[in-house]
C-alpha cells in the first residue's frame, strides 16, 4: 500500500537515510528537494522510495539541492589539521 501526503517537511527518515535528510534540513533545502521531486515524480513518491533515494542515492539527492556531500568531510579534515 502507498500512502501519499502533501509536502515532505514532516518526513522522518529511517536507517541509512537519516544523515542525508538531516543535512538537507540543516542546510534549509527541504523546499528545494520538494520542488525537484515534484518535477521528477509528478505522480508523487512514496515515503519508502524517498527514504531509499536519501539512503542509497544520497550523493545524487544532495546534489539535486546543491549540497556537495564531500564538503562535510573536508571540514572534518580541516579540524584534524588544527
Protein backbone atom coordinates (compact mmCIF):
# COMPACT_ATOMS: atom_id res chain seq x y z
CA UNK A 1 0.00 0.00 0.00
CA UNK A 2 1.21 3.53 -0.75
CA UNK A 3 0.28 6.48 1.38
CA UNK A 4 0.94 9.91 -0.07
CA UNK A 5 0.80 13.22 1.71
CA UNK A 6 1.28 16.83 0.73
CA UNK A 7 4.80 18.05 1.36
CA UNK A 8 7.88 16.42 2.83
CA UNK A 9 8.52 18.86 5.66
CA UNK A 10 7.45 16.41 8.35
CA UNK A 11 9.05 13.36 6.72
CA UNK A 12 11.01 11.19 9.17
CA UNK A 13 13.86 9.28 7.55
CA UNK A 14 14.97 5.92 8.90
CA UNK A 15 18.07 3.75 8.80
CA UNK A 16 20.81 4.99 6.46
CA UNK A 17 18.74 7.88 5.09
CA UNK A 18 18.86 9.88 8.33
CA UNK A 19 22.22 11.59 7.70
CA UNK A 20 21.28 12.87 4.24
CA UNK A 21 17.86 14.04 5.46
CA UNK A 22 19.38 15.87 8.45
CA UNK A 23 21.90 17.54 6.15
CA UNK A 24 19.10 18.73 3.85
CA UNK A 25 17.16 20.11 6.81
CA UNK A 26 20.27 21.71 8.38
CA UNK A 27 21.09 23.49 5.12
CA UNK A 28 17.46 24.65 4.75
CA UNK A 29 17.00 22.79 1.45
CA UNK A 30 13.75 20.90 2.16
CA UNK A 31 11.72 23.16 -0.15
CA UNK A 32 14.33 22.79 -2.90
CA UNK A 33 14.20 19.00 -2.61
CA UNK A 34 10.42 19.01 -2.63
CA UNK A 35 10.40 21.13 -5.78
CA UNK A 36 12.91 18.86 -7.52
CA UNK A 37 10.94 15.76 -6.54
CA UNK A 38 7.71 17.28 -7.87
CA UNK A 39 9.40 17.70 -11.25
CA UNK A 40 10.91 14.20 -11.23
CA UNK A 41 7.87 12.41 -9.80
CA UNK A 42 4.76 14.31 -10.97
CA UNK A 43 2.51 11.50 -9.69
CA UNK A 44 4.17 11.58 -6.27
CA UNK A 45 6.71 9.44 -4.46
CA UNK A 46 6.18 7.09 -1.55
CA UNK A 47 7.93 7.60 1.77
CA UNK A 48 9.79 4.33 1.22
CA UNK A 49 11.04 5.47 -2.18
CA UNK A 50 12.10 8.84 -0.75
CA UNK A 51 13.93 7.10 2.06
CA UNK A 52 15.66 4.84 -0.48
CA UNK A 53 16.79 7.87 -2.51
CA UNK A 54 18.20 9.52 0.58
CA UNK A 55 19.92 6.33 1.68
CA UNK A 56 21.16 4.62 -1.47
CA UNK A 57 21.50 7.68 -3.73
CA UNK A 58 22.42 10.28 -1.13
CA UNK A 59 25.14 11.93 -3.25
CA UNK A 60 22.72 12.36 -6.17
CA UNK A 61 19.88 13.52 -3.91
CA UNK A 62 22.07 16.05 -2.11
CA UNK A 63 23.34 17.24 -5.49
CA UNK A 64 19.75 17.96 -6.57
CA UNK A 65 19.63 20.72 -3.98
CA UNK A 66 23.19 21.98 -4.42
CA UNK A 67 24.83 20.24 -1.48
CA UNK A 68 28.23 18.66 -2.09
CA UNK A 69 28.42 15.53 0.06
CA UNK A 70 32.21 15.90 0.29
CA UNK A 71 32.01 19.39 1.87
CA UNK A 72 31.30 17.88 5.28
CA UNK A 73 34.31 15.55 5.01
CA UNK A 74 36.57 18.47 4.03
CA UNK A 75 35.52 20.38 7.14
CA UNK A 76 36.37 17.35 9.30
CA UNK A 77 39.80 17.13 7.65
CA UNK A 78 40.42 20.83 8.36
CA UNK A 79 39.61 20.30 12.03
CA UNK A 80 42.18 17.49 12.22
CA UNK A 81 44.92 19.81 10.95
CA UNK A 82 44.50 22.30 13.80
